[in-house]
Amino acid sequence: IAACWALLQWSTVPSFVALKPREAVTDLEANLRIASVVTAGSLPLSIEQPATAYDSVVSMLQSWLIGGSLMLIIFAAVLVAATANPLTKRRAEILSQVENER
């Protein structure tokens, strides 16, 4: 019974204490806060100019040209490696020798 009573007393203890309400903010203070936040948020935009549409299109085209050229070089290297494969040539040579002996 004592344990139940202690648990009941412990569970009724306030576990959250609310803060005191702040003083009402005047319109002038609110406007100054909003103005300072907007100014601080837009400061990086005024320092650096954003990229224009022309720059992004040109960079996209350059990346496609570089990527396409790289893929073309890789495919050409694979094609050369496939046609100049010495094992394939040796297998064909041995096959022709075997057929000539028959």
C-alpha atoms as a PDB file:
ATOM      1  CA  ILE A   1       0.000   0.000   0.000  1.00  0.00           C
ATOM      2  CA  ALA A   2       2.878   2.353   0.825  1.00  0.00           C
ATOM      3  CA  ALA A   3       4.494   1.681  -2.553  1.00  0.00           C
ATOM      4  CA  CYS A   4       1.236   2.456  -4.373  1.00  0.00           C
ATOM      5  CA  TRP A   5       0.834   5.650  -2.361  1.00  0.00           C
ATOM      6  CA  ALA A   6       4.445   6.707  -3.173  1.00  0.00           C
ATOM      7  CA  LEU A   7       3.912   5.980  -6.866  1.00  0.00           C
ATOM      8  CA  LEU A   8       0.709   8.017  -6.839  1.00  0.00           C
ATOM      9  CA  GLN A   9       2.445  10.948  -5.122  1.00  0.00           C
ATOM     10  CA  TRP A  10       5.394  10.736  -7.545  1.00  0.00           C
ATOM     11  CA  SER A  11       3.136  10.677 -10.615  1.00  0.00           C
ATOM     12  CA  THR A  12       1.215  13.767  -9.513  1.00  0.00           C
ATOM     13  CA  VAL A  13       4.339  15.909  -9.263  1.00  0.00           C
ATOM     14  CA  PRO A  14       4.318  18.451 -12.104  1.00  0.00           C
ATOM     15  CA  SER A  15       6.825  17.339 -14.693  1.00  0.00           C
ATOM     16  CA  PHE A  16       6.550  20.404 -16.922  1.00  0.00           C
ATOM     17  CA  VAL A  17       6.823  23.949 -15.741  1.00  0.00           C
ATOM     18  CA  ALA A  18       5.689  26.558 -18.244  1.00  0.00           C
ATOM     19  CA  LEU A  19       7.766  29.655 -18.812  1.00  0.00           C
ATOM     20  CA  LYS A  20       6.511  33.015 -17.778  1.00  0.00           C
ATOM     21  CA  PRO A  21       4.736  34.777 -20.616  1.00  0.00           C
ATOM     22  CA  ARG A  22       6.898  37.342 -22.360  1.00  0.00           C
ATOM     23  CA  GLU A  23       5.997  40.946 -22.525  1.00  0.00           C
ATOM     24  CA  ALA A  24       3.971  41.937 -25.525  1.00  0.00           C
ATOM     25  CA  VAL A  25       6.130  42.948 -28.459  1.00  0.00           C
ATOM     26  CA  THR A  26       5.299  46.291 -29.976  1.00  0.00           C
ATOM     27  CA  ASP A  27       4.748  46.701 -33.684  1.00  0.00           C
ATOM     28  CA  LEU A  28       7.924  48.705 -34.042  1.00  0.00           C
ATOM     29  CA  GLU A  29      10.035  45.961 -32.426  1.00  0.00           C
ATOM     30  CA  ALA A  30       8.409  43.308 -34.606  1.00  0.00           C
ATOM     31  CA  ASN A  31       9.013  45.351 -37.742  1.00  0.00           C
ATOM     32  CA  LEU A  32      12.658  45.920 -36.798  1.00  0.00           C
ATOM     33  CA  ARG A  33      13.159  42.203 -36.171  1.00  0.00           C
ATOM     34  CA  ILE A  34      11.574  41.283 -39.500  1.00  0.00           C
ATOM     35  CA  ALA A  35      13.660  43.894 -41.317  1.00  0.00           C
ATOM     36  CA  SER A  36      16.881  42.632 -39.737  1.00  0.00           C
ATOM     37  CA  VAL A  37      16.076  39.002 -40.589  1.00  0.00           C
ATOM     38  CA  VAL A  38      15.257  39.883 -44.201  1.00  0.00           C
ATOM     39  CA  THR A  39      18.427  41.955 -44.524  1.00  0.00           C
ATOM     40  CA  ALA A  40      20.587  39.201 -43.038  1.00  0.00           C
ATOM     41  CA  GLY A  41      18.953  36.603 -45.280  1.00  0.00           C
ATOM     42  CA  SER A  42      19.415  38.555 -48.490  1.00  0.00           C
ATOM     43  CA  LEU A  43      22.984  39.659 -47.761  1.00  0.00           C
ATOM     44  CA  PRO A  44      24.656  36.703 -49.566  1.00  0.00           C
ATOM     45  CA  LEU A  45      22.629  37.472 -52.687  1.00  0.00           C
ATOM     46  CA  SER A  46      23.912  41.022 -52.787  1.00  0.00           C
ATOM     47  CA  ILE A  47      27.526  39.906 -52.387  1.00  0.00           C
ATOM     48  CA  GLU A  48      27.565  37.284 -55.142  1.00  0.00           C
ATOM     49  CA  GLN A  49      25.691  37.623 -58.381  1.00  0.00           C
ATOM     50  CA  PRO A  50      23.611  34.554 -59.232  1.00  0.00           C
ATOM     51  CA  ALA A  51      24.388  32.639 -62.416  1.00  0.00           C
ATOM     52  CA  THR A  52      22.401  33.729 -65.413  1.00  0.00           C
ATOM     53  CA  ALA A  53      20.481  31.349 -67.623  1.00  0.00           C
ATOM     54  CA  TYR A  54      23.064  31.689 -70.397  1.00  0.00           C
ATOM     55  CA  ASP A  55      25.870  30.519 -68.118  1.00  0.00           C
ATOM     56  CA  SER A  56      23.957  27.455 -66.980  1.00  0.00           C
ATOM     57  CA  VAL A  57      22.997  26.475 -70.535  1.00  0.00           C
ATOM     58  CA  VAL A  58      26.569  26.874 -71.723  1.00  0.00           C
ATOM     59  CA  SER A  59      27.922  24.829 -68.826  1.00  0.00           C
ATOM     60  CA  MET A  60      25.306  22.121 -69.474  1.00  0.00           C
ATOM     61  CA  LEU A  61      26.288  21.935 -73.151  1.00  0.00           C
ATOM     62  CA  GLN A  62      29.975  21.806 -72.254  1.00  0.00           C
ATOM     63  CA  SER A  63      29.380  18.960 -69.825  1.00  0.00           C
ATOM     64  CA  TRP A  64      27.409  17.033 -72.460  1.00  0.00           C
ATOM     65  CA  LEU A  65      30.152  17.569 -75.047  1.00  0.00           C
ATOM     66  CA  ILE A  66      32.876  16.450 -72.654  1.00  0.00           C
ATOM     67  CA  GLY A  67      30.841  13.453 -71.500  1.00  0.00           C
ATOM     68  CA  GLY A  68      29.957  12.470 -75.078  1.00  0.00           C
ATOM     69  CA  SER A  69      33.571  12.757 -76.191  1.00  0.00           C
ATOM     70  CA  LEU A  70      34.691  10.642 -73.258  1.00  0.00           C
ATOM     71  CA  MET A  71      32.103   7.969 -74.038  1.00  0.00           C
ATOM     72  CA  LEU A  72      33.151   7.979 -77.708  1.00  0.00           C
ATOM     73  CA  ILE A  73      36.788   7.462 -76.732  1.00  0.00           C
ATOM     74  CA  ILE A  74      35.850   4.599 -74.387  1.00  0.00           C
ATOM     75  CA  PHE A  75      33.716   2.870 -77.029  1.00  0.00           C
ATOM     76  CA  ALA A  76      36.505   3.263 -79.597  1.00  0.00           C
ATOM     77  CA  ALA A  77      39.001   1.708 -77.183  1.00  0.00           C
ATOM     78  CA  VAL A  78      36.636  -1.196 -76.509  1.00  0.00           C
ATOM     79  CA  LEU A  79      36.099  -1.727 -80.232  1.00  0.00           C
ATOM     80  CA  VAL A  80      39.855  -1.741 -80.894  1.00  0.00           C
ATOM     81  CA  ALA A  81      40.398  -4.149 -78.015  1.00  0.00           C
ATOM     82  CA  ALA A  82      37.658  -6.456 -79.300  1.00  0.00           C
ATOM     83  CA  THR A  83      38.967  -6.554 -82.864  1.00  0.00           C
ATOM     84  CA  ALA A  84      42.641  -6.775 -81.913  1.00  0.00           C
ATOM     85  CA  ASN A  85      42.104  -9.556 -79.374  1.00  0.00           C
ATOM     86  CA  PRO A  86      45.065 -11.915 -79.782  1.00  0.00           C
ATOM     87  CA  LEU A  87      43.190 -14.852 -78.234  1.00  0.00           C
ATOM     88  CA  THR A  88      40.433 -14.599 -80.820  1.00  0.00           C
ATOM     89  CA  LYS A  89      42.971 -14.406 -83.611  1.00  0.00           C
ATOM     90  CA  ARG A  90      44.879 -17.394 -82.220  1.00  0.00           C
ATOM     91  CA  ARG A  91      41.655 -19.431 -81.913  1.00  0.00           C
ATOM     92  CA  ALA A  92      40.768 -18.668 -85.534  1.00  0.00           C
ATOM     93  CA  GLU A  93      44.288 -19.612 -86.622  1.00  0.00           C
ATOM     94  CA  ILE A  94      44.145 -22.933 -84.778  1.00  0.00           C
ATOM     95  CA  LEU A  95      40.667 -23.633 -86.182  1.00  0.00           C
ATOM     96  CA  SER A  96      41.906 -23.074 -89.716  1.00  0.00           C
ATOM     97  CA  GLN A  97      44.900 -25.359 -89.086  1.00  0.00           C
ATOM     98  CA  VAL A  98      42.620 -28.101 -87.763  1.00  0.00           C
ATOM     99  CA  GLU A  99      40.329 -27.815 -90.778  1.00  0.00           C
ATOM    100  CA  ASN A 100      43.310 -27.956 -93.165  1.00  0.00           C
ATOM    101  CA  GLU A 101      44.558 -31.168 -91.531  1.00  0.00           C
ATOM    102  CA  ARG A 102      41.214 -32.918 -92.064  1.00  0.00           C
END
